[in-house]
Amino acid sequence: MLREQIERMDVERERERSQLNDQIEALREQAERQSADHRQALAVLTDQRKKTVETPKRSFWARIIG
């Protein structure tokens, strides 16, 4: 009888461990999705494109004179 009770407790503990591992995995995936969403929102808020330096256009007379 004691062995049966111990076996039932072991089975219950394994079931709980499995549920908790599933919950941990789901939370990990949720955190990764939220992190990706955060990075995407941050990229929208801050312009990540490389800035090109444009040379100022010279006027007609500046090109003629030199």
PDB file of N, CA and C in Angstrom:
ATOM      1  N   MET A   1       0.814  -1.187   0.000  1.00  0.00           N
ATOM      2  CA  MET A   1       0.000   0.000   0.000  1.00  0.00           C
ATOM      3  C   MET A   1       0.867   1.264   0.000  1.00  0.00           C
ATOM      4  N   LEU A   2       1.912   1.289   0.769  1.00  0.00           N
ATOM      5  CA  LEU A   2       2.804   2.434   0.808  1.00  0.00           C
ATOM      6  C   LEU A   2       3.518   2.615  -0.532  1.00  0.00           C
ATOM      7  N   ARG A   3       3.918   1.501  -1.131  1.00  0.00           N
ATOM      8  CA  ARG A   3       4.581   1.574  -2.443  1.00  0.00           C
ATOM      9  C   ARG A   3       3.630   2.128  -3.499  1.00  0.00           C
ATOM     10  N   GLU A   4       2.376   1.716  -3.462  1.00  0.00           N
ATOM     11  CA  GLU A   4       1.395   2.225  -4.417  1.00  0.00           C
ATOM     12  C   GLU A   4       1.201   3.721  -4.246  1.00  0.00           C
ATOM     13  N   GLN A   5       1.175   4.166  -3.023  1.00  0.00           N
ATOM     14  CA  GLN A   5       1.018   5.593  -2.751  1.00  0.00           C
ATOM     15  C   GLN A   5       2.236   6.358  -3.272  1.00  0.00           C
ATOM     16  N   ILE A   6       3.418   5.816  -3.064  1.00  0.00           N
ATOM     17  CA  ILE A   6       4.646   6.453  -3.565  1.00  0.00           C
ATOM     18  C   ILE A   6       4.631   6.496  -5.090  1.00  0.00           C
ATOM     19  N   GLU A   7       4.208   5.421  -5.733  1.00  0.00           N
ATOM     20  CA  GLU A   7       4.128   5.385  -7.200  1.00  0.00           C
ATOM     21  C   GLU A   7       3.133   6.415  -7.720  1.00  0.00           C
ATOM     22  N   ARG A   8       1.979   6.531  -7.071  1.00  0.00           N
ATOM     23  CA  ARG A   8       0.993   7.534  -7.482  1.00  0.00           C
ATOM     24  C   ARG A   8       1.572   8.940  -7.341  1.00  0.00           C
ATOM     25  N   MET A   9       2.292   9.164  -6.255  1.00  0.00           N
ATOM     26  CA  MET A   9       2.898  10.479  -6.048  1.00  0.00           C
ATOM     27  C   MET A   9       3.955  10.759  -7.113  1.00  0.00           C
ATOM     28  N   ASP A  10       4.723   9.721  -7.475  1.00  0.00           N
ATOM     29  CA  ASP A  10       5.735   9.891  -8.520  1.00  0.00           C
ATOM     30  C   ASP A  10       5.086  10.212  -9.870  1.00  0.00           C
ATOM     31  N   VAL A  11       3.996   9.519 -10.177  1.00  0.00           N
ATOM     32  CA  VAL A  11       3.279   9.771 -11.426  1.00  0.00           C
ATOM     33  C   VAL A  11       2.735  11.199 -11.430  1.00  0.00           C
ATOM     34  N   GLU A  12       2.161  11.610 -10.314  1.00  0.00           N
ATOM     35  CA  GLU A  12       1.624  12.971 -10.204  1.00  0.00           C
ATOM     36  C   GLU A  12       2.744  14.006 -10.339  1.00  0.00           C
ATOM     37  N   ARG A  13       3.867  13.743  -9.732  1.00  0.00           N
ATOM     38  CA  ARG A  13       5.011  14.665  -9.817  1.00  0.00           C
ATOM     39  C   ARG A  13       5.512  14.774 -11.254  1.00  0.00           C
ATOM     40  N   GLU A  14       5.568  13.674 -11.970  1.00  0.00           N
ATOM     41  CA  GLU A  14       5.994  13.698 -13.375  1.00  0.00           C
ATOM     42  C   GLU A  14       5.000  14.477 -14.236  1.00  0.00           C
ATOM     43  N   ARG A  15       3.705  14.289 -13.952  1.00  0.00           N
ATOM     44  CA  ARG A  15       2.683  15.026 -14.697  1.00  0.00           C
ATOM     45  C   ARG A  15       2.835  16.526 -14.456  1.00  0.00           C
ATOM     46  N   GLU A  16       3.034  16.907 -13.209  1.00  0.00           N
ATOM     47  CA  GLU A  16       3.219  18.324 -12.874  1.00  0.00           C
ATOM     48  C   GLU A  16       4.486  18.870 -13.522  1.00  0.00           C
ATOM     49  N   ARG A  17       5.548  18.079 -13.501  1.00  0.00           N
ATOM     50  CA  ARG A  17       6.809  18.523 -14.112  1.00  0.00           C
ATOM     51  C   ARG A  17       6.629  18.741 -15.610  1.00  0.00           C
ATOM     52  N   SER A  18       5.896  17.846 -16.249  1.00  0.00           N
ATOM     53  CA  SER A  18       5.634  17.986 -17.678  1.00  0.00           C
ATOM     54  C   SER A  18       4.826  19.247 -17.965  1.00  0.00           C
ATOM     55  N   GLN A  19       3.805  19.491 -17.158  1.00  0.00           N
ATOM     56  CA  GLN A  19       2.988  20.698 -17.334  1.00  0.00           C
ATOM     57  C   GLN A  19       3.819  21.957 -17.137  1.00  0.00           C
ATOM     58  N   LEU A  20       4.669  21.946 -16.131  1.00  0.00           N
ATOM     59  CA  LEU A  20       5.500  23.122 -15.871  1.00  0.00           C
ATOM     60  C   LEU A  20       6.518  23.344 -16.991  1.00  0.00           C
ATOM     61  N   ASN A  21       7.078  22.266 -17.523  1.00  0.00           N
ATOM     62  CA  ASN A  21       8.010  22.412 -18.649  1.00  0.00           C
ATOM     63  C   ASN A  21       7.299  22.986 -19.866  1.00  0.00           C
ATOM     64  N   ASP A  22       6.066  22.530 -20.121  1.00  0.00           N
ATOM     65  CA  ASP A  22       5.284  23.083 -21.230  1.00  0.00           C
ATOM     66  C   ASP A  22       5.004  24.566 -21.006  1.00  0.00           C
ATOM     67  N   GLN A  23       4.681  24.929 -19.771  1.00  0.00           N
ATOM     68  CA  GLN A  23       4.399  26.323 -19.450  1.00  0.00           C
ATOM     69  C   GLN A  23       5.661  27.178 -19.614  1.00  0.00           C
ATOM     70  N   ILE A  24       6.796  26.662 -19.195  1.00  0.00           N
ATOM     71  CA  ILE A  24       8.060  27.387 -19.347  1.00  0.00           C
ATOM     72  C   ILE A  24       8.359  27.620 -20.826  1.00  0.00           C
ATOM     73  N   GLU A  25       8.163  26.595 -21.639  1.00  0.00           N
ATOM     74  CA  GLU A  25       8.419  26.728 -23.073  1.00  0.00           C
ATOM     75  C   GLU A  25       7.479  27.756 -23.704  1.00  0.00           C
ATOM     76  N   ALA A  26       6.213  27.730 -23.314  1.00  0.00           N
ATOM     77  CA  ALA A  26       5.254  28.698 -23.850  1.00  0.00           C
ATOM     78  C   ALA A  26       5.634  30.127 -23.446  1.00  0.00           C
ATOM     79  N   LEU A  27       6.057  30.301 -22.209  1.00  0.00           N
ATOM     80  CA  LEU A  27       6.469  31.633 -21.749  1.00  0.00           C
ATOM     81  C   LEU A  27       7.740  32.095 -22.453  1.00  0.00           C
ATOM     82  N   ARG A  28       8.644  31.173 -22.701  1.00  0.00           N
ATOM     83  CA  ARG A  28       9.879  31.514 -23.421  1.00  0.00           C
ATOM     84  C   ARG A  28       9.552  31.983 -24.836  1.00  0.00           C
ATOM     85  N   GLU A  29       8.664  31.258 -25.519  1.00  0.00           N
ATOM     86  CA  GLU A  29       8.264  31.660 -26.869  1.00  0.00           C
ATOM     87  C   GLU A  29       7.565  33.013 -26.857  1.00  0.00           C
ATOM     88  N   GLN A  30       6.726  33.242 -25.856  1.00  0.00           N
ATOM     89  CA  GLN A  30       6.026  34.528 -25.744  1.00  0.00           C
ATOM     90  C   GLN A  30       7.033  35.652 -25.536  1.00  0.00           C
ATOM     91  N   ALA A  31       8.032  35.425 -24.697  1.00  0.00           N
ATOM     92  CA  ALA A  31       9.054  36.445 -24.444  1.00  0.00           C
ATOM     93  C   ALA A  31       9.850  36.737 -25.714  1.00  0.00           C
ATOM     94  N   GLU A  32      10.153  35.711 -26.490  1.00  0.00           N
ATOM     95  CA  GLU A  32      10.887  35.922 -27.738  1.00  0.00           C
ATOM     96  C   GLU A  32      10.058  36.723 -28.735  1.00  0.00           C
ATOM     97  N   ARG A  33       8.749  36.416 -28.817  1.00  0.00           N
ATOM     98  CA  ARG A  33       7.877  37.186 -29.715  1.00  0.00           C
ATOM     99  C   ARG A  33       7.790  38.644 -29.280  1.00  0.00           C
ATOM    100  N   GLN A  34       7.648  38.864 -27.982  1.00  0.00           N
ATOM    101  CA  GLN A  34       7.559  40.238 -27.480  1.00  0.00           C
ATOM    102  C   GLN A  34       8.865  40.988 -27.723  1.00  0.00           C
ATOM    103  N   SER A  35       9.979  40.301 -27.584  1.00  0.00           N
ATOM    104  CA  SER A  35      11.269  40.926 -27.833  1.00  0.00           C
ATOM    105  C   SER A  35      11.396  41.319 -29.308  1.00  0.00           C
ATOM    106  N   ALA A  36      10.948  40.437 -30.187  1.00  0.00           N
ATOM    107  CA  ALA A  36      10.991  40.747 -31.620  1.00  0.00           C
ATOM    108  C   ALA A  36      10.073  41.926 -31.939  1.00  0.00           C
ATOM    109  N   ASP A  37       8.888  41.949 -31.339  1.00  0.00           N
ATOM    110  CA  ASP A  37       7.975  43.068 -31.540  1.00  0.00           C
ATOM    111  C   ASP A  37       8.584  44.371 -31.033  1.00  0.00           C
ATOM    112  N   HIS A  38       9.259  44.300 -29.891  1.00  0.00           N
ATOM    113  CA  HIS A  38       9.893  45.484 -29.318  1.00  0.00           C
ATOM    114  C   HIS A  38      10.989  46.001 -30.243  1.00  0.00           C
ATOM    115  N   ARG A  39      11.815  45.097 -30.754  1.00  0.00           N
ATOM    116  CA  ARG A  39      12.890  45.519 -31.669  1.00  0.00           C
ATOM    117  C   ARG A  39      12.309  46.145 -32.926  1.00  0.00           C
ATOM    118  N   GLN A  40      11.216  45.563 -33.436  1.00  0.00           N
ATOM    119  CA  GLN A  40      10.588  46.096 -34.638  1.00  0.00           C
ATOM    120  C   GLN A  40      10.019  47.493 -34.373  1.00  0.00           C
ATOM    121  N   ALA A  41       9.369  47.671 -33.247  1.00  0.00           N
ATOM    122  CA  ALA A  41       8.811  48.983 -32.909  1.00  0.00           C
ATOM    123  C   ALA A  41       9.927  50.004 -32.707  1.00  0.00           C
ATOM    124  N   LEU A  42      11.007  49.588 -32.085  1.00  0.00           N
ATOM    125  CA  LEU A  42      12.128  50.493 -31.867  1.00  0.00           C
ATOM    126  C   LEU A  42      12.762  50.901 -33.194  1.00  0.00           C
ATOM    127  N   ALA A  43      12.853  49.962 -34.127  1.00  0.00           N
ATOM    128  CA  ALA A  43      13.416  50.276 -35.436  1.00  0.00           C
ATOM    129  C   ALA A  43      12.542  51.278 -36.179  1.00  0.00           C
ATOM    130  N   VAL A  44      11.239  51.188 -35.983  1.00  0.00           N
ATOM    131  CA  VAL A  44      10.337  52.144 -36.629  1.00  0.00           C
ATOM    132  C   VAL A  44      10.517  53.527 -36.017  1.00  0.00           C
ATOM    133  N   LEU A  45      10.698  53.560 -34.697  1.00  0.00           N
ATOM    134  CA  LEU A  45      10.830  54.851 -34.021  1.00  0.00           C
ATOM    135  C   LEU A  45      12.162  55.524 -34.302  1.00  0.00           C
ATOM    136  N   THR A  46      13.209  54.741 -34.469  1.00  0.00           N
ATOM    137  CA  THR A  46      14.525  55.303 -34.762  1.00  0.00           C
ATOM    138  C   THR A  46      14.922  54.886 -36.159  1.00  0.00           C
ATOM    139  N   ASP A  47      15.251  55.846 -36.976  1.00  0.00           N
ATOM    140  CA  ASP A  47      15.615  55.566 -38.358  1.00  0.00           C
ATOM    141  C   ASP A  47      16.951  54.833 -38.392  1.00  0.00           C
ATOM    142  N   GLN A  48      16.951  53.609 -38.861  1.00  0.00           N
ATOM    143  CA  GLN A  48      18.149  52.781 -38.875  1.00  0.00           C
ATOM    144  C   GLN A  48      18.892  52.838 -40.211  1.00  0.00           C
ATOM    145  N   ARG A  49      18.353  53.593 -41.153  1.00  0.00           N
ATOM    146  CA  ARG A  49      19.017  53.653 -42.454  1.00  0.00           C
ATOM    147  C   ARG A  49      20.290  54.478 -42.363  1.00  0.00           C
ATOM    148  N   LYS A  50      21.241  54.126 -43.212  1.00  0.00           N
ATOM    149  CA  LYS A  50      22.487  54.890 -43.241  1.00  0.00           C
ATOM    150  C   LYS A  50      22.218  56.253 -43.861  1.00  0.00           C
ATOM    151  N   LYS A  51      22.786  57.248 -43.262  1.00  0.00           N
ATOM    152  CA  LYS A  51      22.621  58.608 -43.759  1.00  0.00           C
ATOM    153  C   LYS A  51      23.652  58.854 -44.860  1.00  0.00           C
ATOM    154  N   THR A  52      23.183  59.337 -45.986  1.00  0.00           N
ATOM    155  CA  THR A  52      24.093  59.668 -47.073  1.00  0.00           C
ATOM    156  C   THR A  52      24.376  61.163 -47.016  1.00  0.00           C
ATOM    157  N   VAL A  53      25.612  61.486 -47.186  1.00  0.00           N
ATOM    158  CA  VAL A  53      26.012  62.887 -47.158  1.00  0.00           C
ATOM    159  C   VAL A  53      25.947  63.417 -48.580  1.00  0.00           C
ATOM    160  N   GLU A  54      25.054  64.359 -48.777  1.00  0.00           N
ATOM    161  CA  GLU A  54      24.927  64.956 -50.101  1.00  0.00           C
ATOM    162  C   GLU A  54      25.802  66.194 -50.171  1.00  0.00           C
ATOM    163  N   THR A  55      26.534  66.282 -51.258  1.00  0.00           N
ATOM    164  CA  THR A  55      27.340  67.487 -51.450  1.00  0.00           C
ATOM    165  C   THR A  55      26.395  68.603 -51.863  1.00  0.00           C
ATOM    166  N   PRO A  56      26.612  69.785 -51.321  1.00  0.00           N
ATOM    167  CA  PRO A  56      25.717  70.891 -51.668  1.00  0.00           C
ATOM    168  C   PRO A  56      25.838  71.215 -53.153  1.00  0.00           C
ATOM    169  N   LYS A  57      24.715  71.524 -53.755  1.00  0.00           N
ATOM    170  CA  LYS A  57      24.703  71.858 -55.181  1.00  0.00           C
ATOM    171  C   LYS A  57      25.314  73.242 -55.368  1.00  0.00           C
ATOM    172  N   ARG A  58      26.186  73.283 -56.332  1.00  0.00           N
ATOM    173  CA  ARG A  58      26.832  74.579 -56.615  1.00  0.00           C
ATOM    174  C   ARG A  58      25.989  75.346 -57.622  1.00  0.00           C
ATOM    175  N   SER A  59      25.959  76.629 -57.434  1.00  0.00           N
ATOM    176  CA  SER A  59      25.167  77.462 -58.321  1.00  0.00           C
ATOM    177  C   SER A  59      25.836  77.554 -59.692  1.00  0.00           C
ATOM    178  N   PHE A  60      25.070  78.079 -60.610  1.00  0.00           N
ATOM    179  CA  PHE A  60      25.584  78.224 -61.964  1.00  0.00           C
ATOM    180  C   PHE A  60      26.867  79.046 -61.997  1.00  0.00           C
ATOM    181  N   TRP A  61      26.886  80.186 -61.290  1.00  0.00           N
ATOM    182  CA  TRP A  61      28.045  81.070 -61.325  1.00  0.00           C
ATOM    183  C   TRP A  61      29.225  80.430 -60.589  1.00  0.00           C
ATOM    184  N   ALA A  62      28.977  79.666 -59.542  1.00  0.00           N
ATOM    185  CA  ALA A  62      30.069  79.009 -58.836  1.00  0.00           C
ATOM    186  C   ALA A  62      30.724  77.962 -59.743  1.00  0.00           C
ATOM    187  N   ARG A  63      29.949  77.336 -60.584  1.00  0.00           N
ATOM    188  CA  ARG A  63      30.531  76.361 -61.520  1.00  0.00           C
ATOM    189  C   ARG A  63      31.308  77.061 -62.642  1.00  0.00           C
ATOM    190  N   ILE A  64      30.840  78.194 -63.066  1.00  0.00           N
ATOM    191  CA  ILE A  64      31.515  78.921 -64.141  1.00  0.00           C
ATOM    192  C   ILE A  64      32.820  79.521 -63.638  1.00  0.00           C
ATOM    193  N   ILE A  65      32.783  80.161 -62.467  1.00  0.00           N
ATOM    194  CA  ILE A  65      33.950  80.853 -61.926  1.00  0.00           C
ATOM    195  C   ILE A  65      34.973  79.844 -61.393  1.00  0.00           C
ATOM    196  N   GLY A  66      34.497  78.789 -60.843  1.00  0.00           N
ATOM    197  CA  GLY A  66      35.472  77.807 -60.478  1.00  0.00           C
ATOM    198  C   GLY A  66      35.466  77.314 -59.122  1.00  0.00           C
TER     199      GLY A  66
END
